[in-house]
């Protein structure tokens, strides 16, 4: 990662010549001797596993179970996405113990 010597901002690849030129918003440009590649790996989505959670200690809410149509479920909330987005609500049916989530 390189920084602009004028203003200290991170230099980013120029769209017209990817891997050959980096530029800054202040107008500073630098030509690279070697090509470079920018990449970002995102975590793989997998199953969410709840370990050692006692549902009887969780609060209950009136929410219809998609499996058995019971109208009472335990619920809890977790921050599963970026901090500026709403948390994910998880539900577990009191009757059949089916689990589902809501991203509202």
PDB file of N, CA and C in Angstrom:
ATOM      1  N   UNK A   1       0.852  -1.162   0.000  1.00  0.00           N
ATOM      2  CA  UNK A   1       0.000   0.000   0.000  1.00  0.00           C
ATOM      3  C   UNK A   1       0.900   1.228   0.000  1.00  0.00           C
ATOM      4  N   UNK A   2       0.587   2.142  -0.877  1.00  0.00           N
ATOM      5  CA  UNK A   2       1.382   3.363  -0.961  1.00  0.00           C
ATOM      6  C   UNK A   2       0.509   4.569  -0.651  1.00  0.00           C
ATOM      7  N   UNK A   3       1.156   5.610  -0.123  1.00  0.00           N
ATOM      8  CA  UNK A   3       0.448   6.814   0.267  1.00  0.00           C
ATOM      9  C   UNK A   3       0.979   8.001  -0.528  1.00  0.00           C
ATOM     10  N   UNK A   4       0.112   8.963  -0.751  1.00  0.00           N
ATOM     11  CA  UNK A   4       0.453  10.176  -1.482  1.00  0.00           C
ATOM     12  C   UNK A   4       1.439  11.016  -0.656  1.00  0.00           C
ATOM     13  N   UNK A   5       2.573  11.422  -1.240  1.00  0.00           N
ATOM     14  CA  UNK A   5       3.521  12.253  -0.496  1.00  0.00           C
ATOM     15  C   UNK A   5       3.018  13.685  -0.276  1.00  0.00           C
ATOM     16  N   UNK A   6       2.021  14.116  -1.062  1.00  0.00           N
ATOM     17  CA  UNK A   6       1.484  15.471  -0.916  1.00  0.00           C
ATOM     18  C   UNK A   6       0.475  15.583   0.220  1.00  0.00           C
ATOM     19  N   UNK A   7      -0.557  14.659   0.204  1.00  0.00           N
ATOM     20  CA  UNK A   7      -1.650  14.800   1.172  1.00  0.00           C
ATOM     21  C   UNK A   7      -1.794  13.619   2.128  1.00  0.00           C
ATOM     22  N   UNK A   8      -1.082  12.509   1.890  1.00  0.00           N
ATOM     23  CA  UNK A   8      -1.126  11.367   2.796  1.00  0.00           C
ATOM     24  C   UNK A   8      -2.255  10.379   2.549  1.00  0.00           C
ATOM     25  N   UNK A   9      -3.040  10.573   1.493  1.00  0.00           N
ATOM     26  CA  UNK A   9      -4.141   9.678   1.162  1.00  0.00           C
ATOM     27  C   UNK A   9      -3.599   8.402   0.502  1.00  0.00           C
ATOM     28  N   UNK A  10      -4.316   7.291   0.642  1.00  0.00           N
ATOM     29  CA  UNK A  10      -3.912   6.041  -0.002  1.00  0.00           C
ATOM     30  C   UNK A  10      -4.013   6.194  -1.514  1.00  0.00           C
ATOM     31  N   UNK A  11      -2.982   5.769  -2.224  1.00  0.00           N
ATOM     32  CA  UNK A  11      -3.006   5.807  -3.691  1.00  0.00           C
ATOM     33  C   UNK A  11      -3.807   4.622  -4.206  1.00  0.00           C
ATOM     34  N   UNK A  12      -4.679   4.875  -5.165  1.00  0.00           N
ATOM     35  CA  UNK A  12      -5.537   3.830  -5.721  1.00  0.00           C
ATOM     36  C   UNK A  12      -5.213   3.645  -7.206  1.00  0.00           C
ATOM     37  N   UNK A  13      -5.454   2.427  -7.726  1.00  0.00           N
ATOM     38  CA  UNK A  13      -5.183   2.190  -9.147  1.00  0.00           C
ATOM     39  C   UNK A  13      -6.066   3.067 -10.030  1.00  0.00           C
ATOM     40  N   UNK A  14      -5.504   3.554 -11.109  1.00  0.00           N
ATOM     41  CA  UNK A  14      -6.261   4.339 -12.067  1.00  0.00           C
ATOM     42  C   UNK A  14      -7.058   3.387 -12.943  1.00  0.00           C
ATOM     43  N   UNK A  15      -8.321   3.697 -13.201  1.00  0.00           N
ATOM     44  CA  UNK A  15      -9.207   2.797 -13.943  1.00  0.00           C
ATOM     45  C   UNK A  15      -8.776   2.602 -15.391  1.00  0.00           C
ATOM     46  N   UNK A  16      -8.161   3.591 -16.000  1.00  0.00           N
ATOM     47  CA  UNK A  16      -7.788   3.472 -17.406  1.00  0.00           C
ATOM     48  C   UNK A  16      -6.587   2.563 -17.611  1.00  0.00           C
ATOM     49  N   UNK A  17      -5.710   2.478 -16.636  1.00  0.00           N
ATOM     50  CA  UNK A  17      -4.522   1.639 -16.747  1.00  0.00           C
ATOM     51  C   UNK A  17      -4.364   0.810 -15.468  1.00  0.00           C
ATOM     52  N   UNK A  18      -5.216  -0.188 -15.261  1.00  0.00           N
ATOM     53  CA  UNK A  18      -5.125  -0.946 -14.017  1.00  0.00           C
ATOM     54  C   UNK A  18      -3.784  -1.666 -13.872  1.00  0.00           C
ATOM     55  N   UNK A  19      -3.207  -1.559 -12.696  1.00  0.00           N
ATOM     56  CA  UNK A  19      -1.945  -2.222 -12.417  1.00  0.00           C
ATOM     57  C   UNK A  19      -0.716  -1.470 -12.888  1.00  0.00           C
ATOM     58  N   UNK A  20      -0.904  -0.338 -13.581  1.00  0.00           N
ATOM     59  CA  UNK A  20       0.248   0.394 -14.089  1.00  0.00           C
ATOM     60  C   UNK A  20       0.391   1.778 -13.464  1.00  0.00           C
ATOM     61  N   UNK A  21      -0.718   2.387 -13.077  1.00  0.00           N
ATOM     62  CA  UNK A  21      -0.672   3.735 -12.526  1.00  0.00           C
ATOM     63  C   UNK A  21      -1.530   3.807 -11.273  1.00  0.00           C
ATOM     64  N   UNK A  22      -1.024   4.522 -10.283  1.00  0.00           N
ATOM     65  CA  UNK A  22      -1.797   4.811  -9.086  1.00  0.00           C
ATOM     66  C   UNK A  22      -1.942   6.323  -8.993  1.00  0.00           C
ATOM     67  N   UNK A  23      -3.106   6.770  -8.498  1.00  0.00           N
ATOM     68  CA  UNK A  23      -3.320   8.205  -8.407  1.00  0.00           C
ATOM     69  C   UNK A  23      -4.039   8.555  -7.112  1.00  0.00           C
ATOM     70  N   UNK A  24      -4.041   9.839  -6.828  1.00  0.00           N
ATOM     71  CA  UNK A  24      -4.659  10.384  -5.623  1.00  0.00           C
ATOM     72  C   UNK A  24      -5.698  11.418  -6.041  1.00  0.00           C
ATOM     73  N   UNK A  25      -6.621  11.710  -5.141  1.00  0.00           N
ATOM     74  CA  UNK A  25      -7.659  12.705  -5.444  1.00  0.00           C
ATOM     75  C   UNK A  25      -7.085  14.116  -5.563  1.00  0.00           C
ATOM     76  N   UNK A  26      -5.891  14.340  -5.029  1.00  0.00           N
ATOM     77  CA  UNK A  26      -5.277  15.673  -5.129  1.00  0.00           C
ATOM     78  C   UNK A  26      -4.570  15.877  -6.466  1.00  0.00           C
ATOM     79  N   UNK A  27      -4.491  14.825  -7.305  1.00  0.00           N
ATOM     80  CA  UNK A  27      -3.883  14.942  -8.619  1.00  0.00           C
ATOM     81  C   UNK A  27      -2.527  14.270  -8.736  1.00  0.00           C
ATOM     82  N   UNK A  28      -1.934  13.836  -7.653  1.00  0.00           N
ATOM     83  CA  UNK A  28      -0.636  13.166  -7.689  1.00  0.00           C
ATOM     84  C   UNK A  28      -0.781  11.802  -8.359  1.00  0.00           C
ATOM     85  N   UNK A  29       0.189  11.456  -9.233  1.00  0.00           N
ATOM     86  CA  UNK A  29       0.186  10.161  -9.926  1.00  0.00           C
ATOM     87  C   UNK A  29       1.566   9.536  -9.802  1.00  0.00           C
ATOM     88  N   UNK A  30       1.582   8.206  -9.806  1.00  0.00           N
ATOM     89  CA  UNK A  30       2.849   7.482  -9.787  1.00  0.00           C
ATOM     90  C   UNK A  30       2.716   6.287 -10.723  1.00  0.00           C
ATOM     91  N   UNK A  31       3.762   6.049 -11.532  1.00  0.00           N
ATOM     92  CA  UNK A  31       3.761   4.872 -12.406  1.00  0.00           C
ATOM     93  C   UNK A  31       4.498   3.763 -11.673  1.00  0.00           C
ATOM     94  N   UNK A  32       3.907   2.575 -11.732  1.00  0.00           N
ATOM     95  CA  UNK A  32       4.493   1.426 -11.056  1.00  0.00           C
ATOM     96  C   UNK A  32       5.445   0.687 -11.984  1.00  0.00           C
ATOM     97  N   UNK A  33       6.533   0.164 -11.390  1.00  0.00           N
ATOM     98  CA  UNK A  33       7.474  -0.630 -12.172  1.00  0.00           C
ATOM     99  C   UNK A  33       6.941  -2.040 -12.382  1.00  0.00           C
ATOM    100  N   UNK A  34       6.073  -2.495 -11.455  1.00  0.00           N
ATOM    101  CA  UNK A  34       5.504  -3.827 -11.549  1.00  0.00           C
ATOM    102  C   UNK A  34       3.984  -3.720 -11.531  1.00  0.00           C
ATOM    103  N   UNK A  35       3.334  -4.663 -12.178  1.00  0.00           N
ATOM    104  CA  UNK A  35       1.875  -4.721 -12.094  1.00  0.00           C
ATOM    105  C   UNK A  35       1.478  -5.238 -10.721  1.00  0.00           C
ATOM    106  N   UNK A  36       0.321  -4.858 -10.240  1.00  0.00           N
ATOM    107  CA  UNK A  36      -0.178  -5.333  -8.958  1.00  0.00           C
ATOM    108  C   UNK A  36      -1.645  -5.674  -9.094  1.00  0.00           C
ATOM    109  N   UNK A  37      -2.116  -6.514  -8.194  1.00  0.00           N
ATOM    110  CA  UNK A  37      -3.503  -6.952  -8.201  1.00  0.00           C
ATOM    111  C   UNK A  37      -4.093  -6.679  -6.832  1.00  0.00           C
ATOM    112  N   UNK A  38      -5.260  -6.052  -6.800  1.00  0.00           N
ATOM    113  CA  UNK A  38      -5.986  -5.830  -5.557  1.00  0.00           C
ATOM    114  C   UNK A  38      -7.088  -6.867  -5.460  1.00  0.00           C
ATOM    115  N   UNK A  39      -7.174  -7.551  -4.328  1.00  0.00           N
ATOM    116  CA  UNK A  39      -8.253  -8.514  -4.154  1.00  0.00           C
ATOM    117  C   UNK A  39      -8.659  -8.552  -2.692  1.00  0.00           C
ATOM    118  N   UNK A  40      -9.882  -8.995  -2.489  1.00  0.00           N
ATOM    119  CA  UNK A  40     -10.435  -9.083  -1.147  1.00  0.00           C
ATOM    120  C   UNK A  40     -11.193 -10.395  -1.042  1.00  0.00           C
ATOM    121  N   UNK A  41     -10.912 -11.156  -0.001  1.00  0.00           N
ATOM    122  CA  UNK A  41     -11.612 -12.410   0.209  1.00  0.00           C
ATOM    123  C   UNK A  41     -12.692 -12.204   1.256  1.00  0.00           C
ATOM    124  N   UNK A  42     -13.898 -12.606   0.920  1.00  0.00           N
ATOM    125  CA  UNK A  42     -15.011 -12.500   1.847  1.00  0.00           C
ATOM    126  C   UNK A  42     -15.183 -13.824   2.578  1.00  0.00           C
ATOM    127  N   UNK A  43     -15.596 -13.774   3.836  1.00  0.00           N
ATOM    128  CA  UNK A  43     -15.799 -15.030   4.558  1.00  0.00           C
ATOM    129  C   UNK A  43     -16.932 -15.830   3.946  1.00  0.00           C
ATOM    130  N   UNK A  44     -16.780 -17.153   3.976  1.00  0.00           N
ATOM    131  CA  UNK A  44     -17.810 -18.026   3.435  1.00  0.00           C
ATOM    132  C   UNK A  44     -18.989 -18.062   4.393  1.00  0.00           C
ATOM    133  N   UNK A  45     -20.187 -18.048   3.820  1.00  0.00           N
ATOM    134  CA  UNK A  45     -21.379 -18.140   4.645  1.00  0.00           C
ATOM    135  C   UNK A  45     -21.601 -19.595   5.025  1.00  0.00           C
ATOM    136  N   UNK A  46     -21.920 -19.809   6.261  1.00  0.00           N
ATOM    137  CA  UNK A  46     -22.145 -21.161   6.725  1.00  0.00           C
ATOM    138  C   UNK A  46     -23.317 -21.195   7.679  1.00  0.00           C
ATOM    139  N   UNK A  47     -23.485 -22.336   8.306  1.00  0.00           N
ATOM    140  CA  UNK A  47     -24.557 -22.482   9.271  1.00  0.00           C
ATOM    141  C   UNK A  47     -24.225 -21.701  10.531  1.00  0.00           C
ATOM    142  N   UNK A  48     -25.230 -21.162  11.144  1.00  0.00           N
ATOM    143  CA  UNK A  48     -25.068 -20.494  12.424  1.00  0.00           C
ATOM    144  C   UNK A  48     -25.387 -21.510  13.503  1.00  0.00           C
ATOM    145  N   UNK A  49     -24.435 -21.710  14.370  1.00  0.00           N
ATOM    146  CA  UNK A  49     -24.603 -22.719  15.399  1.00  0.00           C
ATOM    147  C   UNK A  49     -24.655 -22.034  16.762  1.00  0.00           C
ATOM    148  N   UNK A  50     -25.685 -22.326  17.516  1.00  0.00           N
ATOM    149  CA  UNK A  50     -25.830 -21.788  18.862  1.00  0.00           C
ATOM    150  C   UNK A  50     -25.310 -22.848  19.826  1.00  0.00           C
ATOM    151  N   UNK A  51     -24.346 -22.470  20.638  1.00  0.00           N
ATOM    152  CA  UNK A  51     -23.743 -23.416  21.557  1.00  0.00           C
ATOM    153  C   UNK A  51     -24.163 -23.080  22.982  1.00  0.00           C
ATOM    154  N   UNK A  52     -24.648 -24.063  23.693  1.00  0.00           N
ATOM    155  CA  UNK A  52     -25.006 -23.954  25.107  1.00  0.00           C
ATOM    156  C   UNK A  52     -25.958 -22.791  25.376  1.00  0.00           C
ATOM    157  N   UNK A  53     -27.066 -22.757  24.701  1.00  0.00           N
ATOM    158  CA  UNK A  53     -28.058 -21.723  24.949  1.00  0.00           C
ATOM    159  C   UNK A  53     -29.321 -22.386  25.470  1.00  0.00           C
ATOM    160  N   UNK A  54     -29.783 -21.901  26.583  1.00  0.00           N
ATOM    161  CA  UNK A  54     -30.976 -22.436  27.209  1.00  0.00           C
ATOM    162  C   UNK A  54     -32.162 -21.582  26.770  1.00  0.00           C
ATOM    163  N   UNK A  55     -33.026 -22.068  25.880  1.00  0.00           N
ATOM    164  CA  UNK A  55     -34.117 -21.240  25.359  1.00  0.00           C
ATOM    165  C   UNK A  55     -35.093 -20.771  26.440  1.00  0.00           C
ATOM    166  N   UNK A  56     -35.232 -21.511  27.531  1.00  0.00           N
ATOM    167  CA  UNK A  56     -36.182 -21.114  28.571  1.00  0.00           C
ATOM    168  C   UNK A  56     -35.781 -19.794  29.230  1.00  0.00           C
ATOM    169  N   UNK A  57     -34.510 -19.417  29.149  1.00  0.00           N
ATOM    170  CA  UNK A  57     -34.063 -18.163  29.755  1.00  0.00           C
ATOM    171  C   UNK A  57     -34.227 -16.967  28.814  1.00  0.00           C
ATOM    172  N   UNK A  58     -34.637 -17.219  27.581  1.00  0.00           N
ATOM    173  CA  UNK A  58     -34.815 -16.149  26.598  1.00  0.00           C
ATOM    174  C   UNK A  58     -36.211 -15.543  26.696  1.00  0.00           C
ATOM    175  N   UNK A  59     -36.356 -14.276  26.286  1.00  0.00           N
ATOM    176  CA  UNK A  59     -37.696 -13.673  26.271  1.00  0.00           C
ATOM    177  C   UNK A  59     -38.572 -14.296  25.193  1.00  0.00           C
ATOM    178  N   UNK A  60     -39.886 -14.208  25.386  1.00  0.00           N
ATOM    179  CA  UNK A  60     -40.847 -14.748  24.417  1.00  0.00           C
ATOM    180  C   UNK A  60     -41.552 -13.595  23.713  1.00  0.00           C
ATOM    181  N   UNK A  61     -41.983 -13.872  22.486  1.00  0.00           N
ATOM    182  CA  UNK A  61     -42.661 -12.866  21.676  1.00  0.00           C
ATOM    183  C   UNK A  61     -43.746 -13.560  20.858  1.00  0.00           C
ATOM    184  N   UNK A  62     -44.777 -12.801  20.497  1.00  0.00           N
ATOM    185  CA  UNK A  62     -45.818 -13.344  19.619  1.00  0.00           C
ATOM    186  C   UNK A  62     -45.303 -13.283  18.193  1.00  0.00           C
ATOM    187  N   UNK A  63     -44.911 -14.432  17.677  1.00  0.00           N
ATOM    188  CA  UNK A  63     -44.374 -14.550  16.318  1.00  0.00           C
ATOM    189  C   UNK A  63     -44.793 -15.911  15.792  1.00  0.00           C
ATOM    190  N   UNK A  64     -45.359 -15.946  14.588  1.00  0.00           N
ATOM    191  CA  UNK A  64     -45.863 -17.205  14.040  1.00  0.00           C
ATOM    192  C   UNK A  64     -44.735 -18.073  13.501  1.00  0.00           C
ATOM    193  N   UNK A  65     -44.707 -19.319  13.938  1.00  0.00           N
ATOM    194  CA  UNK A  65     -43.720 -20.294  13.471  1.00  0.00           C
ATOM    195  C   UNK A  65     -44.076 -20.710  12.040  1.00  0.00           C
ATOM    196  N   UNK A  66     -43.106 -20.668  11.114  1.00  0.00           N
ATOM    197  CA  UNK A  66     -43.399 -21.066   9.738  1.00  0.00           C
ATOM    198  C   UNK A  66     -43.660 -22.568   9.590  1.00  0.00           C
ATOM    199  N   UNK A  67     -43.273 -23.372  10.574  1.00  0.00           N
ATOM    200  CA  UNK A  67     -43.470 -24.818  10.505  1.00  0.00           C
ATOM    201  C   UNK A  67     -44.816 -25.254  11.075  1.00  0.00           C
ATOM    202  N   UNK A  68     -45.053 -24.937  12.358  1.00  0.00           N
ATOM    203  CA  UNK A  68     -46.253 -25.468  13.024  1.00  0.00           C
ATOM    204  C   UNK A  68     -47.343 -24.414  13.247  1.00  0.00           C
ATOM    205  N   UNK A  69     -47.103 -23.166  12.859  1.00  0.00           N
ATOM    206  CA  UNK A  69     -48.053 -22.054  12.967  1.00  0.00           C
ATOM    207  C   UNK A  69     -48.379 -21.677  14.416  1.00  0.00           C
ATOM    208  N   UNK A  70     -47.553 -22.116  15.371  1.00  0.00           N
ATOM    209  CA  UNK A  70     -47.706 -21.707  16.760  1.00  0.00           C
ATOM    210  C   UNK A  70     -47.398 -20.206  16.852  1.00  0.00           C
ATOM    211  N   UNK A  71     -48.040 -19.474  17.754  1.00  0.00           N
ATOM    212  CA  UNK A  71     -47.886 -18.023  17.821  1.00  0.00           C
ATOM    213  C   UNK A  71     -46.971 -17.537  18.937  1.00  0.00           C
ATOM    214  N   UNK A  72     -46.118 -18.391  19.481  1.00  0.00           N
ATOM    215  CA  UNK A  72     -45.224 -17.972  20.553  1.00  0.00           C
ATOM    216  C   UNK A  72     -43.815 -18.510  20.278  1.00  0.00           C
ATOM    217  N   UNK A  73     -42.819 -17.621  20.391  1.00  0.00           N
ATOM    218  CA  UNK A  73     -41.446 -18.023  20.105  1.00  0.00           C
ATOM    219  C   UNK A  73     -40.481 -17.310  21.040  1.00  0.00           C
ATOM    220  N   UNK A  74     -39.364 -17.962  21.324  1.00  0.00           N
ATOM    221  CA  UNK A  74     -38.257 -17.308  22.011  1.00  0.00           C
ATOM    222  C   UNK A  74     -37.541 -16.461  20.968  1.00  0.00           C
ATOM    223  N   UNK A  75     -36.871 -15.386  21.397  1.00  0.00           N
ATOM    224  CA  UNK A  75     -36.105 -14.594  20.436  1.00  0.00           C
ATOM    225  C   UNK A  75     -34.828 -14.063  21.067  1.00  0.00           C
ATOM    226  N   UNK A  76     -33.835 -13.778  20.206  1.00  0.00           N
ATOM    227  CA  UNK A  76     -32.586 -13.129  20.596  1.00  0.00           C
ATOM    228  C   UNK A  76     -32.051 -12.403  19.381  1.00  0.00           C
ATOM    229  N   UNK A  77     -31.154 -11.451  19.610  1.00  0.00           N
ATOM    230  CA  UNK A  77     -30.613 -10.629  18.525  1.00  0.00           C
ATOM    231  C   UNK A  77     -29.087 -10.694  18.535  1.00  0.00           C
ATOM    232  N   UNK A  78     -28.510 -10.746  17.325  1.00  0.00           N
ATOM    233  CA  UNK A  78     -27.060 -10.741  17.154  1.00  0.00           C
ATOM    234  C   UNK A  78     -26.682  -9.793  16.027  1.00  0.00           C
ATOM    235  N   UNK A  79     -25.512  -9.167  16.147  1.00  0.00           N
ATOM    236  CA  UNK A  79     -24.989  -8.325  15.077  1.00  0.00           C
ATOM    237  C   UNK A  79     -24.219  -9.228  14.131  1.00  0.00           C
ATOM    238  N   UNK A  80     -24.832  -9.617  13.009  1.00  0.00           N
ATOM    239  CA  UNK A  80     -24.206 -10.554  12.075  1.00  0.00           C
ATOM    240  C   UNK A  80     -23.667  -9.867  10.830  1.00  0.00           C
ATOM    241  N   UNK A  81     -23.973  -8.582  10.654  1.00  0.00           N
ATOM    242  CA  UNK A  81     -23.514  -7.843   9.479  1.00  0.00           C
ATOM    243  C   UNK A  81     -22.706  -6.637   9.943  1.00  0.00           C
ATOM    244  N   UNK A  82     -22.498  -5.693   9.082  1.00  0.00           N
ATOM    245  CA  UNK A  82     -21.720  -4.506   9.413  1.00  0.00           C
ATOM    246  C   UNK A  82     -22.379  -3.728  10.555  1.00  0.00           C
ATOM    247  N   UNK A  83     -21.582  -2.972  11.268  1.00  0.00           N
ATOM    248  CA  UNK A  83     -22.063  -2.243  12.425  1.00  0.00           C
ATOM    249  C   UNK A  83     -23.104  -1.190  12.114  1.00  0.00           C
ATOM    250  N   UNK A  84     -23.137  -0.695  10.889  1.00  0.00           N
ATOM    251  CA  UNK A  84     -24.116   0.335  10.547  1.00  0.00           C
ATOM    252  C   UNK A  84     -25.433  -0.256  10.046  1.00  0.00           C
ATOM    253  N   UNK A  85     -25.560  -1.575  10.073  1.00  0.00           N
ATOM    254  CA  UNK A  85     -26.800  -2.227   9.671  1.00  0.00           C
ATOM    255  C   UNK A  85     -27.493  -2.813  10.891  1.00  0.00           C
ATOM    256  N   UNK A  86     -28.785  -3.032  10.763  1.00  0.00           N
ATOM    257  CA  UNK A  86     -29.573  -3.554  11.878  1.00  0.00           C
ATOM    258  C   UNK A  86     -29.139  -4.967  12.248  1.00  0.00           C
ATOM    259  N   UNK A  87     -29.338  -5.309  13.516  1.00  0.00           N
ATOM    260  CA  UNK A  87     -28.992  -6.658  13.946  1.00  0.00           C
ATOM    261  C   UNK A  87     -29.995  -7.671  13.406  1.00  0.00           C
ATOM    262  N   UNK A  88     -29.613  -8.939  13.437  1.00  0.00           N
ATOM    263  CA  UNK A  88     -30.459 -10.031  12.969  1.00  0.00           C
ATOM    264  C   UNK A  88     -31.222 -10.590  14.156  1.00  0.00           C
ATOM    265  N   UNK A  89     -32.530 -10.771  13.989  1.00  0.00           N
ATOM    266  CA  UNK A  89     -33.353 -11.361  15.051  1.00  0.00           C
ATOM    267  C   UNK A  89     -33.512 -12.852  14.771  1.00  0.00           C
ATOM    268  N   UNK A  90     -33.261 -13.668  15.786  1.00  0.00           N
ATOM    269  CA  UNK A  90     -33.419 -15.114  15.693  1.00  0.00           C
ATOM    270  C   UNK A  90     -34.612 -15.525  16.539  1.00  0.00           C
ATOM    271  N   UNK A  91     -35.342 -16.532  16.058  1.00  0.00           N
ATOM    272  CA  UNK A  91     -36.523 -17.034  16.763  1.00  0.00           C
ATOM    273  C   UNK A  91     -36.420 -18.543  16.905  1.00  0.00           C
ATOM    274  N   UNK A  92     -37.020 -19.057  17.998  1.00  0.00           N
ATOM    275  CA  UNK A  92     -37.168 -20.495  18.175  1.00  0.00           C
ATOM    276  C   UNK A  92     -38.568 -20.750  18.695  1.00  0.00           C
ATOM    277  N   UNK A  93     -39.289 -21.585  17.989  1.00  0.00           N
ATOM    278  CA  UNK A  93     -40.666 -21.896  18.356  1.00  0.00           C
ATOM    279  C   UNK A  93     -40.694 -22.589  19.722  1.00  0.00           C
ATOM    280  N   UNK A  94     -41.616 -22.156  20.580  1.00  0.00           N
ATOM    281  CA  UNK A  94     -41.771 -22.744  21.903  1.00  0.00           C
ATOM    282  C   UNK A  94     -42.274 -24.180  21.799  1.00  0.00           C
ATOM    283  N   UNK A  95     -43.090 -24.452  20.785  1.00  0.00           N
ATOM    284  CA  UNK A  95     -43.727 -25.758  20.650  1.00  0.00           C
ATOM    285  C   UNK A  95     -42.848 -26.785  19.918  1.00  0.00           C
ATOM    286  N   UNK A  96     -42.425 -26.473  18.694  1.00  0.00           N
ATOM    287  CA  UNK A  96     -41.704 -27.470  17.874  1.00  0.00           C
ATOM    288  C   UNK A  96     -40.187 -27.240  17.829  1.00  0.00           C
ATOM    289  N   UNK A  97     -39.686 -26.146  18.401  1.00  0.00           N
ATOM    290  CA  UNK A  97     -38.255 -25.795  18.478  1.00  0.00           C
ATOM    291  C   UNK A  97     -37.623 -25.515  17.119  1.00  0.00           C
ATOM    292  N   UNK A  98     -38.446 -25.174  16.119  1.00  0.00           N
ATOM    293  CA  UNK A  98     -37.920 -24.765  14.809  1.00  0.00           C
ATOM    294  C   UNK A  98     -37.275 -23.389  14.971  1.00  0.00           C
ATOM    295  N   UNK A  99     -36.114 -23.178  14.303  1.00  0.00           N
ATOM    296  CA  UNK A  99     -35.418 -21.884  14.373  1.00  0.00           C
ATOM    297  C   UNK A  99     -35.459 -21.183  13.023  1.00  0.00           C
ATOM    298  N   UNK A 100     -35.613 -19.857  13.052  1.00  0.00           N
ATOM    299  CA  UNK A 100     -35.569 -19.047  11.853  1.00  0.00           C
ATOM    300  C   UNK A 100     -35.062 -17.667  12.229  1.00  0.00           C
ATOM    301  N   UNK A 101     -34.798 -16.833  11.225  1.00  0.00           N
ATOM    302  CA  UNK A 101     -34.254 -15.500  11.484  1.00  0.00           C
ATOM    303  C   UNK A 101     -34.989 -14.439  10.683  1.00  0.00           C
ATOM    304  N   UNK A 102     -34.830 -13.204  11.115  1.00  0.00           N
ATOM    305  CA  UNK A 102     -35.446 -12.056  10.450  1.00  0.00           C
ATOM    306  C   UNK A 102     -34.392 -10.958  10.363  1.00  0.00           C
ATOM    307  N   UNK A 103     -34.273 -10.331   9.193  1.00  0.00           N
ATOM    308  CA  UNK A 103     -33.261  -9.287   8.973  1.00  0.00           C
ATOM    309  C   UNK A 103     -33.849  -7.884   9.065  1.00  0.00           C
ATOM    310  N   UNK A 104     -34.975  -7.687   9.699  1.00  0.00           N
ATOM    311  CA  UNK A 104     -35.621  -6.377   9.741  1.00  0.00           C
ATOM    312  C   UNK A 104     -34.828  -5.375  10.524  1.00  0.00           C
TER     313      UNK A 104
END
